[in-house]
């Protein structure tokens, strides 16, 4: 079964309020088996536009990733971020097929 991922690109407009979101989102992610693969960090723009902060969260399945996004637990903590950051977030199914040789 393919894993699920959240891929987020964020520009924070209010650091104090965003910090409340960051410190509060852990329980929702843990409930659905989410773990951070990327959480901020240095990056290089290969092509196109970027935002200041990048995040990749892995879940055991696409269904778990969707369930986390839709959950009351996450939506409650997301409300702490709303209006204090501009974000592009996708919930996407991972690839579990053949790889290049």
N, C-alpha and C. Protein backbone atom coordinates (compact mmCIF):
# COMPACT_ATOMS: atom_id res chain seq x y z
N UNK A 1 0.84 -1.18 0.00
CA UNK A 1 0.00 0.00 0.00
C UNK A 1 0.89 1.25 0.00
N UNK A 2 0.56 2.17 -0.86
CA UNK A 2 1.33 3.42 -0.95
C UNK A 2 1.07 4.30 0.27
N UNK A 3 2.09 4.99 0.68
CA UNK A 3 1.97 5.94 1.78
C UNK A 3 1.28 7.20 1.29
N UNK A 4 0.89 8.03 2.23
CA UNK A 4 0.31 9.33 1.92
C UNK A 4 1.21 10.43 2.44
N UNK A 5 1.12 11.58 1.83
CA UNK A 5 1.99 12.70 2.20
C UNK A 5 1.22 14.01 2.21
N UNK A 6 1.64 14.90 3.08
CA UNK A 6 1.27 16.30 2.98
C UNK A 6 2.51 17.02 2.49
N UNK A 7 2.37 17.83 1.48
CA UNK A 7 3.46 18.68 1.01
C UNK A 7 3.00 20.12 1.19
N UNK A 8 3.72 20.85 1.99
CA UNK A 8 3.32 22.22 2.29
C UNK A 8 4.43 23.21 1.99
N UNK A 9 4.01 24.37 1.50
CA UNK A 9 4.90 25.51 1.27
C UNK A 9 4.24 26.69 1.96
N UNK A 10 4.97 27.37 2.84
CA UNK A 10 4.35 28.36 3.71
C UNK A 10 5.18 29.63 3.79
N UNK A 11 4.49 30.77 3.74
CA UNK A 11 5.07 32.06 4.10
C UNK A 11 4.37 32.51 5.38
N UNK A 12 5.11 32.65 6.44
CA UNK A 12 4.57 33.04 7.74
C UNK A 12 4.47 34.57 7.79
N UNK A 13 3.32 35.07 8.22
CA UNK A 13 3.13 36.52 8.34
C UNK A 13 3.07 36.97 9.80
N UNK A 14 2.86 36.04 10.72
CA UNK A 14 2.82 36.36 12.15
C UNK A 14 3.52 35.22 12.89
N UNK A 15 4.79 35.40 13.20
CA UNK A 15 5.62 34.35 13.81
C UNK A 15 5.05 33.85 15.14
N UNK A 16 4.59 34.76 15.99
CA UNK A 16 4.07 34.35 17.31
C UNK A 16 2.86 33.44 17.17
N UNK A 17 1.93 33.82 16.34
CA UNK A 17 0.73 33.00 16.16
C UNK A 17 1.07 31.69 15.45
N UNK A 18 1.95 31.73 14.48
CA UNK A 18 2.34 30.51 13.77
C UNK A 18 3.00 29.53 14.73
N UNK A 19 3.77 30.04 15.66
CA UNK A 19 4.44 29.18 16.65
C UNK A 19 3.39 28.42 17.48
N UNK A 20 2.25 29.03 17.77
CA UNK A 20 1.17 28.35 18.49
C UNK A 20 0.64 27.17 17.67
N UNK A 21 0.52 27.38 16.37
CA UNK A 21 0.09 26.31 15.47
C UNK A 21 1.11 25.16 15.48
N UNK A 22 2.38 25.50 15.34
CA UNK A 22 3.44 24.48 15.29
C UNK A 22 3.49 23.67 16.58
N UNK A 23 3.37 24.33 17.72
CA UNK A 23 3.44 23.59 18.99
C UNK A 23 2.17 22.80 19.27
N UNK A 24 1.07 23.13 18.59
CA UNK A 24 -0.19 22.44 18.84
C UNK A 24 -0.55 21.35 17.86
N UNK A 25 0.17 21.22 16.74
CA UNK A 25 -0.27 20.28 15.71
C UNK A 25 0.19 18.84 15.92
N UNK A 26 1.12 18.62 16.81
CA UNK A 26 1.68 17.28 17.02
C UNK A 26 0.67 16.19 17.34
N UNK A 27 -0.27 16.41 18.27
CA UNK A 27 -1.22 15.33 18.59
C UNK A 27 -2.06 14.88 17.39
N UNK A 28 -2.48 15.80 16.54
CA UNK A 28 -3.26 15.40 15.36
C UNK A 28 -2.41 14.56 14.42
N UNK A 29 -1.17 14.96 14.19
CA UNK A 29 -0.30 14.19 13.31
C UNK A 29 -0.02 12.81 13.90
N UNK A 30 0.26 12.75 15.20
CA UNK A 30 0.56 11.47 15.84
C UNK A 30 -0.64 10.52 15.78
N UNK A 31 -1.84 11.04 15.96
CA UNK A 31 -3.05 10.20 15.94
C UNK A 31 -3.18 9.45 14.62
N UNK A 32 -2.74 10.06 13.52
CA UNK A 32 -2.88 9.46 12.20
C UNK A 32 -1.57 8.89 11.67
N UNK A 33 -0.56 8.78 12.53
CA UNK A 33 0.71 8.16 12.14
C UNK A 33 1.61 9.05 11.32
N UNK A 34 1.39 10.37 11.37
CA UNK A 34 2.22 11.30 10.59
C UNK A 34 3.60 11.48 11.19
N UNK A 35 4.57 11.63 10.32
CA UNK A 35 5.94 11.95 10.78
C UNK A 35 6.57 12.90 9.77
N UNK A 36 7.31 13.85 10.31
CA UNK A 36 7.94 14.86 9.47
C UNK A 36 9.15 14.27 8.75
N UNK A 37 9.19 14.46 7.43
CA UNK A 37 10.38 14.15 6.64
C UNK A 37 11.14 15.43 6.36
N UNK A 38 10.41 16.52 6.20
CA UNK A 38 10.99 17.85 5.99
C UNK A 38 10.21 18.80 6.87
N UNK A 39 10.91 19.64 7.63
CA UNK A 39 10.26 20.64 8.47
C UNK A 39 11.14 21.87 8.50
N UNK A 40 10.95 22.74 7.52
CA UNK A 40 11.83 23.89 7.39
C UNK A 40 13.13 23.44 6.75
N UNK A 41 14.21 24.00 7.18
CA UNK A 41 15.51 23.57 6.67
C UNK A 41 15.95 24.35 5.44
N UNK A 42 17.20 24.19 5.11
CA UNK A 42 17.78 24.85 3.95
C UNK A 42 17.25 24.24 2.67
N UNK A 43 17.16 25.03 1.63
CA UNK A 43 16.71 24.53 0.35
C UNK A 43 17.30 25.37 -0.78
N UNK A 44 17.26 24.80 -1.96
CA UNK A 44 17.68 25.47 -3.18
C UNK A 44 16.50 25.42 -4.15
N UNK A 45 16.20 26.53 -4.79
CA UNK A 45 15.14 26.56 -5.78
C UNK A 45 15.70 26.00 -7.09
N UNK A 46 15.16 24.87 -7.51
CA UNK A 46 15.59 24.27 -8.77
C UNK A 46 14.89 24.92 -9.95
N UNK A 47 13.62 25.25 -9.75
CA UNK A 47 12.83 25.85 -10.83
C UNK A 47 11.53 26.36 -10.23
N UNK A 48 11.02 27.44 -10.75
CA UNK A 48 9.73 27.96 -10.31
C UNK A 48 9.82 28.81 -9.06
N UNK A 49 8.67 28.97 -8.43
CA UNK A 49 8.57 29.80 -7.23
C UNK A 49 8.70 28.96 -5.97
N UNK A 50 9.00 29.62 -4.88
CA UNK A 50 9.10 28.94 -3.59
C UNK A 50 8.50 29.83 -2.51
N UNK A 51 8.18 29.22 -1.41
CA UNK A 51 7.80 29.95 -0.20
C UNK A 51 8.93 29.77 0.80
N UNK A 52 8.89 30.54 1.87
CA UNK A 52 10.00 30.57 2.83
C UNK A 52 10.15 29.27 3.63
N UNK A 53 9.06 28.56 3.84
CA UNK A 53 9.09 27.36 4.68
C UNK A 53 8.49 26.20 3.90
N UNK A 54 9.12 25.03 3.98
CA UNK A 54 8.67 23.84 3.27
C UNK A 54 8.53 22.69 4.25
N UNK A 55 7.47 21.89 4.06
CA UNK A 55 7.18 20.79 4.98
C UNK A 55 6.72 19.58 4.17
N UNK A 56 7.21 18.40 4.54
CA UNK A 56 6.70 17.14 4.00
C UNK A 56 6.42 16.23 5.19
N UNK A 57 5.17 15.76 5.28
CA UNK A 57 4.78 14.86 6.36
C UNK A 57 4.34 13.55 5.72
N UNK A 58 4.88 12.45 6.21
CA UNK A 58 4.56 11.12 5.70
C UNK A 58 3.52 10.46 6.61
N UNK A 59 2.55 9.78 6.00
CA UNK A 59 1.53 9.02 6.73
C UNK A 59 1.56 7.58 6.24
N UNK A 60 1.05 6.65 7.03
CA UNK A 60 1.08 5.25 6.62
C UNK A 60 0.32 4.97 5.33
N UNK A 61 -0.66 5.81 5.00
CA UNK A 61 -1.46 5.61 3.79
C UNK A 61 -2.05 6.96 3.36
N UNK A 62 -2.51 7.00 2.12
CA UNK A 62 -3.20 8.19 1.62
C UNK A 62 -4.47 8.43 2.44
N UNK A 63 -5.15 7.34 2.79
CA UNK A 63 -6.38 7.47 3.58
C UNK A 63 -6.10 8.10 4.94
N UNK A 64 -4.98 7.73 5.57
CA UNK A 64 -4.62 8.33 6.86
C UNK A 64 -4.27 9.81 6.70
N UNK A 65 -3.59 10.15 5.61
CA UNK A 65 -3.25 11.55 5.35
C UNK A 65 -4.51 12.38 5.16
N UNK A 66 -5.47 11.85 4.40
CA UNK A 66 -6.75 12.55 4.20
C UNK A 66 -7.53 12.65 5.50
N UNK A 67 -7.56 11.56 6.26
CA UNK A 67 -8.30 11.56 7.52
C UNK A 67 -7.73 12.59 8.50
N UNK A 68 -6.43 12.73 8.52
CA UNK A 68 -5.80 13.73 9.40
C UNK A 68 -6.24 15.12 8.98
N UNK A 69 -6.15 15.41 7.67
CA UNK A 69 -6.55 16.74 7.19
C UNK A 69 -7.99 17.05 7.56
N UNK A 70 -8.87 16.07 7.39
CA UNK A 70 -10.30 16.27 7.63
C UNK A 70 -10.69 16.22 9.10
N UNK A 71 -9.78 15.79 9.96
CA UNK A 71 -10.14 15.55 11.37
C UNK A 71 -10.44 16.84 12.13
N UNK A 72 -11.33 16.76 13.09
CA UNK A 72 -11.60 17.91 13.96
C UNK A 72 -10.35 18.36 14.72
N UNK A 73 -9.48 17.38 15.07
CA UNK A 73 -8.26 17.72 15.80
C UNK A 73 -7.36 18.64 14.98
N UNK A 74 -7.16 18.27 13.69
CA UNK A 74 -6.29 19.11 12.88
C UNK A 74 -6.97 20.42 12.51
N UNK A 75 -8.23 20.38 12.15
CA UNK A 75 -8.92 21.61 11.76
C UNK A 75 -8.93 22.63 12.90
N UNK A 76 -9.01 22.16 14.15
CA UNK A 76 -8.98 23.07 15.30
C UNK A 76 -7.62 23.76 15.41
N UNK A 77 -6.54 23.00 15.23
CA UNK A 77 -5.21 23.61 15.34
C UNK A 77 -4.89 24.44 14.09
N UNK A 78 -5.41 24.03 12.94
CA UNK A 78 -5.22 24.81 11.72
C UNK A 78 -5.80 26.21 11.87
N UNK A 79 -6.88 26.33 12.62
CA UNK A 79 -7.50 27.64 12.85
C UNK A 79 -6.53 28.61 13.52
N UNK A 80 -5.54 28.08 14.25
CA UNK A 80 -4.51 28.94 14.86
C UNK A 80 -3.60 29.56 13.80
N UNK A 81 -3.44 28.86 12.67
CA UNK A 81 -2.58 29.32 11.59
C UNK A 81 -3.31 30.25 10.62
N UNK A 82 -4.60 30.00 10.45
CA UNK A 82 -5.39 30.77 9.49
C UNK A 82 -5.26 32.27 9.74
N UNK A 83 -4.95 33.00 8.66
CA UNK A 83 -4.78 34.45 8.76
C UNK A 83 -3.40 34.90 9.21
N UNK A 84 -2.53 33.92 9.53
CA UNK A 84 -1.19 34.25 10.02
C UNK A 84 -0.09 33.65 9.16
N UNK A 85 -0.50 33.01 8.06
CA UNK A 85 0.45 32.42 7.12
C UNK A 85 -0.28 32.22 5.79
N UNK A 86 0.48 32.25 4.72
CA UNK A 86 -0.05 31.91 3.40
C UNK A 86 0.54 30.55 3.06
N UNK A 87 -0.34 29.58 2.81
CA UNK A 87 0.14 28.21 2.63
C UNK A 87 -0.45 27.56 1.38
N UNK A 88 0.38 26.75 0.74
CA UNK A 88 -0.05 25.83 -0.32
C UNK A 88 0.19 24.44 0.25
N UNK A 89 -0.86 23.67 0.45
CA UNK A 89 -0.72 22.34 1.02
C UNK A 89 -1.49 21.36 0.15
N UNK A 90 -0.82 20.28 -0.23
CA UNK A 90 -1.51 19.21 -0.94
C UNK A 90 -1.41 17.93 -0.11
N UNK A 91 -2.44 17.12 -0.21
CA UNK A 91 -2.45 15.78 0.38
C UNK A 91 -2.38 14.85 -0.83
N UNK A 92 -1.35 14.01 -0.86
CA UNK A 92 -1.08 13.25 -2.08
C UNK A 92 -0.72 11.80 -1.76
N UNK A 93 -1.12 10.92 -2.65
CA UNK A 93 -0.77 9.51 -2.53
C UNK A 93 0.65 9.29 -3.02
N UNK A 94 1.42 8.52 -2.26
CA UNK A 94 2.78 8.20 -2.65
C UNK A 94 2.80 7.18 -3.79
N UNK A 95 3.95 6.97 -4.34
CA UNK A 95 4.16 6.03 -5.44
C UNK A 95 4.79 4.77 -4.89
N UNK A 96 4.21 3.62 -5.24
CA UNK A 96 4.69 2.35 -4.71
C UNK A 96 4.98 1.38 -5.85
N UNK A 97 5.43 1.90 -6.99
CA UNK A 97 5.69 1.07 -8.16
C UNK A 97 7.17 0.91 -8.45
N UNK A 98 7.49 0.42 -9.64
CA UNK A 98 8.88 0.20 -10.02
C UNK A 98 9.66 1.51 -10.07
N UNK A 99 10.92 1.40 -9.80
CA UNK A 99 11.83 2.55 -9.83
C UNK A 99 12.80 2.40 -11.00
N UNK A 100 13.38 3.51 -11.44
CA UNK A 100 14.36 3.43 -12.55
C UNK A 100 15.51 2.50 -12.19
N UNK A 101 15.98 1.78 -13.16
CA UNK A 101 17.10 0.84 -12.93
C UNK A 101 18.41 1.57 -13.05
